[in-house]
C-alpha atoms as a PDB file:
ATOM      1  CA  MET A   1     -12.678 -42.505   8.657  1.00  0.00           C
ATOM      2  CA  VAL A   2      -9.387 -42.979   6.770  1.00  0.00           C
ATOM      3  CA  THR A   3      -8.067 -39.744   8.272  1.00  0.00           C
ATOM      4  CA  PHE A   4      -8.925 -40.981  11.755  1.00  0.00           C
ATOM      5  CA  ARG A   5      -7.063 -44.280  11.132  1.00  0.00           C
ATOM      6  CA  VAL A   6      -4.037 -42.374   9.824  1.00  0.00           C
ATOM      7  CA  PHE A   7      -4.161 -40.183  12.920  1.00  0.00           C
ATOM      8  CA  ILE A   8      -4.324 -43.234  15.245  1.00  0.00           C
ATOM      9  CA  ALA A   9      -1.453 -44.897  13.369  1.00  0.00           C
ATOM     10  CA  ALA A  10       0.648 -41.739  13.636  1.00  0.00           C
ATOM     11  CA  VAL A  11      -0.027 -41.416  17.372  1.00  0.00           C
ATOM     12  CA  SER A  12       0.817 -45.104  17.860  1.00  0.00           C
ATOM     13  CA  LEU A  13       4.122 -44.710  16.021  1.00  0.00           C
ATOM     14  CA  PHE A  14       4.907 -41.640  18.113  1.00  0.00           C
ATOM     15  CA  MET A  15       4.163 -43.497  21.354  1.00  0.00           C
ATOM     16  CA  LEU A  16       6.413 -46.513  20.625  1.00  0.00           C
ATOM     17  CA  PRO A  17       9.680 -44.678  21.386  1.00  0.00           C
ATOM     18  CA  VAL A  18       8.080 -43.119  24.465  1.00  0.00           C
ATOM     19  CA  ALA A  19       7.005 -46.544  25.742  1.00  0.00           C
ATOM     20  CA  ALA A  20      10.434 -48.030  24.953  1.00  0.00           C
ATOM     21  CA  SER A  21      12.109 -45.122  26.742  1.00  0.00           C
ATOM     22  CA  ALA A  22       9.905 -45.648  29.807  1.00  0.00           C
ATOM     23  CA  ALA A  23      10.787 -49.368  29.887  1.00  0.00           C
ATOM     24  CA  ALA A  24      14.498 -48.517  29.591  1.00  0.00           C
ATOM     25  CA  ALA A  25      14.213 -46.031  32.441  1.00  0.00           C
ATOM     26  CA  ASP A  26      12.445 -48.662  34.560  1.00  0.00           C
ATOM     27  CA  ASN A  27      15.241 -51.185  33.914  1.00  0.00           C
ATOM     28  CA  LYS A  28      17.812 -48.612  34.986  1.00  0.00           C
ATOM     29  CA  VAL A  29      15.838 -47.972  38.200  1.00  0.00           C
ATOM     30  CA  VAL A  30      15.787 -51.731  38.865  1.00  0.00           C
ATOM     31  CA  VAL A  31      19.554 -51.947  38.311  1.00  0.00           C
ATOM     32  CA  GLN A  32      20.207 -48.907  40.533  1.00  0.00           C
ATOM     33  CA  ALA A  33      18.883 -50.933  43.500  1.00  0.00           C
ATOM     34  CA  PHE A  34      21.919 -53.214  43.042  1.00  0.00           C
ATOM     35  CA  TYR A  35      24.345 -50.297  43.519  1.00  0.00           C
ATOM     36  CA  ASP A  36      22.344 -48.722  46.326  1.00  0.00           C
ATOM     37  CA  PHE A  37      22.756 -51.992  48.221  1.00  0.00           C
ATOM     38  CA  LEU A  38      26.508 -52.160  47.533  1.00  0.00           C
ATOM     39  CA  SER A  39      26.862 -48.564  48.762  1.00  0.00           C
ATOM     40  CA  ASN A  40      24.872 -49.311  51.922  1.00  0.00           C
ATOM     41  CA  PRO A  41      26.067 -52.808  52.796  1.00  0.00           C
ATOM     42  CA  GLY A  42      24.734 -52.735  56.356  1.00  0.00           C
ATOM     43  CA  SER A  43      21.258 -51.525  55.421  1.00  0.00           C
ATOM     44  CA  GLU A  44      18.415 -54.023  55.757  1.00  0.00           C
ATOM     45  CA  GLN A  45      16.225 -51.660  53.704  1.00  0.00           C
ATOM     46  CA  HIS A  46      18.689 -51.687  50.788  1.00  0.00           C
ATOM     47  CA  ALA A  47      19.132 -55.462  51.090  1.00  0.00           C
ATOM     48  CA  ALA A  48      15.344 -55.869  50.834  1.00  0.00           C
ATOM     49  CA  ALA A  49      15.211 -53.541  47.807  1.00  0.00           C
ATOM     50  CA  PHE A  50      18.007 -55.555  46.151  1.00  0.00           C
ATOM     51  CA  LYS A  51      16.124 -58.781  46.853  1.00  0.00           C
ATOM     52  CA  ALA A  52      12.952 -57.282  45.345  1.00  0.00           C
ATOM     53  CA  ALA A  53      14.889 -56.202  42.226  1.00  0.00           C
ATOM     54  CA  THR A  54      16.418 -59.634  41.582  1.00  0.00           C
ATOM     55  CA  ALA A  55      14.835 -62.893  40.482  1.00  0.00           C
ATOM     56  CA  GLU A  56      14.793 -65.748  42.972  1.00  0.00           C
ATOM     57  CA  ASP A  57      17.316 -67.627  40.806  1.00  0.00           C
ATOM     58  CA  TRP A  58      19.535 -64.531  40.180  1.00  0.00           C
ATOM     59  CA  GLN A  59      23.227 -65.265  39.809  1.00  0.00           C
ATOM     60  CA  SER A  60      26.350 -63.186  40.328  1.00  0.00           C
ATOM     61  CA  ILE A  61      28.893 -64.312  37.729  1.00  0.00           C
ATOM     62  CA  GLY A  62      32.445 -63.067  38.282  1.00  0.00           C
ATOM     63  CA  ASP A  63      34.449 -65.661  36.408  1.00  0.00           C
ATOM     64  CA  TYR A  64      34.049 -68.826  34.376  1.00  0.00           C
ATOM     65  CA  SER A  65      34.688 -71.284  37.214  1.00  0.00           C
ATOM     66  CA  GLY A  66      30.994 -72.165  37.398  1.00  0.00           C
ATOM     67  CA  LYS A  67      30.946 -71.158  41.069  1.00  0.00           C
ATOM     68  CA  ASN A  68      28.372 -68.409  40.740  1.00  0.00           C
ATOM     69  CA  LYS A  69      26.872 -66.739  43.789  1.00  0.00           C
ATOM     70  CA  GLN A  70      23.164 -67.110  44.352  1.00  0.00           C
ATOM     71  CA  ARG A  71      21.083 -64.188  45.618  1.00  0.00           C
ATOM     72  CA  ASP A  72      21.081 -65.168  49.311  1.00  0.00           C
ATOM     73  CA  GLN A  73      24.839 -65.871  49.227  1.00  0.00           C
ATOM     74  CA  PHE A  74      25.455 -62.448  47.688  1.00  0.00           C
ATOM     75  CA  ILE A  75      23.244 -60.690  50.239  1.00  0.00           C
ATOM     76  CA  GLY A  76      25.132 -62.493  53.011  1.00  0.00           C
ATOM     77  CA  GLN A  77      28.499 -61.477  51.560  1.00  0.00           C
ATOM     78  CA  VAL A  78      27.546 -57.816  51.176  1.00  0.00           C
ATOM     79  CA  SER A  79      25.607 -57.534  54.470  1.00  0.00           C
ATOM     80  CA  GLY A  80      28.217 -59.495  56.403  1.00  0.00           C
ATOM     81  CA  PHE A  81      31.737 -59.403  54.964  1.00  0.00           C
ATOM     82  CA  PHE A  82      31.632 -56.029  53.187  1.00  0.00           C
ATOM     83  CA  ALA A  83      29.494 -54.272  55.821  1.00  0.00           C
ATOM     84  CA  LYS A  84      31.962 -55.194  58.567  1.00  0.00           C
ATOM     85  CA  LEU A  85      35.218 -54.868  56.624  1.00  0.00           C
ATOM     86  CA  ILE A  86      34.399 -51.786  54.501  1.00  0.00           C
ATOM     87  CA  PRO A  87      31.578 -49.865  56.204  1.00  0.00           C
ATOM     88  CA  ASP A  88      32.230 -46.790  54.015  1.00  0.00           C
ATOM     89  CA  LEU A  89      31.975 -48.791  50.777  1.00  0.00           C
ATOM     90  CA  ASN A  90      30.584 -46.650  47.969  1.00  0.00           C
ATOM     91  CA  TRP A  91      29.710 -48.021  44.552  1.00  0.00           C
ATOM     92  CA  ALA A  92      29.007 -44.948  42.392  1.00  0.00           C
ATOM     93  CA  VAL A  93      27.365 -45.472  39.025  1.00  0.00           C
ATOM     94  CA  GLU A  94      29.149 -43.344  36.450  1.00  0.00           C
ATOM     95  CA  GLU A  95      27.368 -44.590  33.323  1.00  0.00           C
ATOM     96  CA  MET A  96      24.463 -46.894  32.448  1.00  0.00           C
ATOM     97  CA  ILE A  97      23.818 -48.094  28.927  1.00  0.00           C
ATOM     98  CA  GLN A  98      20.765 -50.145  28.003  1.00  0.00           C
ATOM     99  CA  ASP A  99      20.450 -52.382  24.968  1.00  0.00           C
ATOM    100  CA  GLY A 100      17.371 -54.588  24.925  1.00  0.00           C
ATOM    101  CA  ASP A 101      17.261 -56.690  28.087  1.00  0.00           C
ATOM    102  CA  LYS A 102      20.867 -55.788  29.047  1.00  0.00           C
ATOM    103  CA  VAL A 103      22.021 -52.889  31.210  1.00  0.00           C
ATOM    104  CA  VAL A 104      25.777 -52.257  31.221  1.00  0.00           C
ATOM    105  CA  VAL A 105      27.168 -50.227  34.095  1.00  0.00           C
ATOM    106  CA  ARG A 106      30.524 -48.543  34.526  1.00  0.00           C
ATOM    107  CA  SER A 107      30.999 -47.713  38.167  1.00  0.00           C
ATOM    108  CA  ARG A 108      33.586 -46.679  40.696  1.00  0.00           C
ATOM    109  CA  ALA A 109      34.029 -48.536  43.975  1.00  0.00           C
ATOM    110  CA  THR A 110      35.761 -46.785  46.860  1.00  0.00           C
ATOM    111  CA  GLY A 111      36.286 -47.671  50.474  1.00  0.00           C
ATOM    112  CA  THR A 112      38.663 -47.956  53.385  1.00  0.00           C
ATOM    113  CA  PRO A 113      38.948 -51.490  54.769  1.00  0.00           C
ATOM    114  CA  GLN A 114      39.027 -51.761  58.563  1.00  0.00           C
ATOM    115  CA  GLY A 115      41.274 -54.837  58.316  1.00  0.00           C
ATOM    116  CA  ALA A 116      42.956 -57.039  55.755  1.00  0.00           C
ATOM    117  CA  LEU A 117      41.245 -57.237  52.354  1.00  0.00           C
ATOM    118  CA  PHE A 118      42.210 -60.425  50.509  1.00  0.00           C
ATOM    119  CA  GLY A 119      45.216 -60.699  52.817  1.00  0.00           C
ATOM    120  CA  VAL A 120      46.440 -57.097  52.427  1.00  0.00           C
ATOM    121  CA  ASP A 121      46.247 -54.799  55.447  1.00  0.00           C
ATOM    122  CA  GLY A 122      45.908 -51.294  54.059  1.00  0.00           C
ATOM    123  CA  GLN A 123      46.777 -49.731  57.425  1.00  0.00           C
ATOM    124  CA  GLY A 124      44.097 -47.097  56.982  1.00  0.00           C
ATOM    125  CA  ARG A 125      44.564 -46.593  53.229  1.00  0.00           C
ATOM    126  CA  GLY A 126      41.578 -46.749  50.906  1.00  0.00           C
ATOM    127  CA  PHE A 127      40.982 -47.891  47.358  1.00  0.00           C
ATOM    128  CA  ASP A 128      39.330 -46.404  44.267  1.00  0.00           C
ATOM    129  CA  ILE A 129      38.673 -48.914  41.479  1.00  0.00           C
ATOM    130  CA  LEU A 130      36.853 -49.308  38.167  1.00  0.00           C
ATOM    131  CA  THR A 131      34.078 -51.877  37.815  1.00  0.00           C
ATOM    132  CA  ILE A 132      32.048 -53.060  34.835  1.00  0.00           C
ATOM    133  CA  ASP A 133      28.806 -55.032  35.127  1.00  0.00           C
ATOM    134  CA  ILE A 134      26.359 -56.486  32.621  1.00  0.00           C
ATOM    135  CA  HIS A 135      22.895 -57.100  34.058  1.00  0.00           C
ATOM    136  CA  THR A 136      20.186 -59.077  32.267  1.00  0.00           C
ATOM    137  CA  ILE A 137      16.612 -57.976  32.990  1.00  0.00           C
ATOM    138  CA  ARG A 138      13.517 -60.131  32.477  1.00  0.00           C
ATOM    139  CA  ASN A 139      10.006 -59.239  33.572  1.00  0.00           C
ATOM    140  CA  GLY A 140      11.326 -56.198  35.434  1.00  0.00           C
ATOM    141  CA  MET A 141      13.858 -58.149  37.526  1.00  0.00           C
ATOM    142  CA  ILE A 142      17.606 -58.734  37.288  1.00  0.00           C
ATOM    143  CA  VAL A 143      18.186 -62.408  36.446  1.00  0.00           C
ATOM    144  CA  SER A 144      21.983 -62.346  36.177  1.00  0.00           C
ATOM    145  CA  SER A 145      24.890 -59.990  36.723  1.00  0.00           C
ATOM    146  CA  TYR A 146      28.269 -60.505  35.093  1.00  0.00           C
ATOM    147  CA  HIS A 147      30.870 -58.381  36.833  1.00  0.00           C
ATOM    148  CA  VAL A 148      34.523 -57.411  36.734  1.00  0.00           C
ATOM    149  CA  GLU A 149      36.207 -55.343  39.432  1.00  0.00           C
ATOM    150  CA  ASP A 150      39.809 -54.165  39.580  1.00  0.00           C
ATOM    151  CA  TRP A 151      40.557 -55.860  42.910  1.00  0.00           C
ATOM    152  CA  ALA A 152      44.248 -56.178  41.920  1.00  0.00           C
ATOM    153  CA  GLY A 153      44.342 -52.374  41.660  1.00  0.00           C
ATOM    154  CA  ALA A 154      42.637 -52.102  45.060  1.00  0.00           C
ATOM    155  CA  LEU A 155      45.257 -54.345  46.649  1.00  0.00           C
ATOM    156  CA  GLN A 156      48.053 -52.346  45.034  1.00  0.00           C
ATOM    157  CA  GLN A 157      46.590 -49.121  46.430  1.00  0.00           C
ATOM    158  CA  LEU A 158      46.149 -50.674  49.884  1.00  0.00           C
ATOM    159  CA  SER A 159      49.736 -51.925  49.929  1.00  0.00           C
ATOM    160  CA  GLY A 160      51.002 -48.418  49.163  1.00  0.00           C
ATOM    161  CA  LYS A 161      52.851 -49.459  46.013  1.00  0.00           C
END
């Protein structure tokens, strides 16, 4: 009987990292829906997948002004503004790191605006910028996303300087 208990304990200890790894992989899949939507801004299917991956009270936090975007505002911005202005927008994940309920993503955003972006007409030029995001996951859903994008670098590239 003692041998059986030792065996069960050993199997349980072996399974803990496997279970933790599976949960980490699931969180990364949830977060990937965010980038799939950004890379397909005109897609209703990707917008629905993003909505399913985010909590109803999800917030996009890009600065400390307190003017965070709510989920529906963000969907409207991506599906409207970005889909029309940068239809070839691509947000490629280059690295994902998970630590507990946080998933940190280093990604690369590229695109060619079809008009002025933040007041700069790129005249057919594109941009290629670095982005960093920190997503918090609870109960299998993204509850907040802190983000930093190099929009100043994008504008510099678009202006040809």
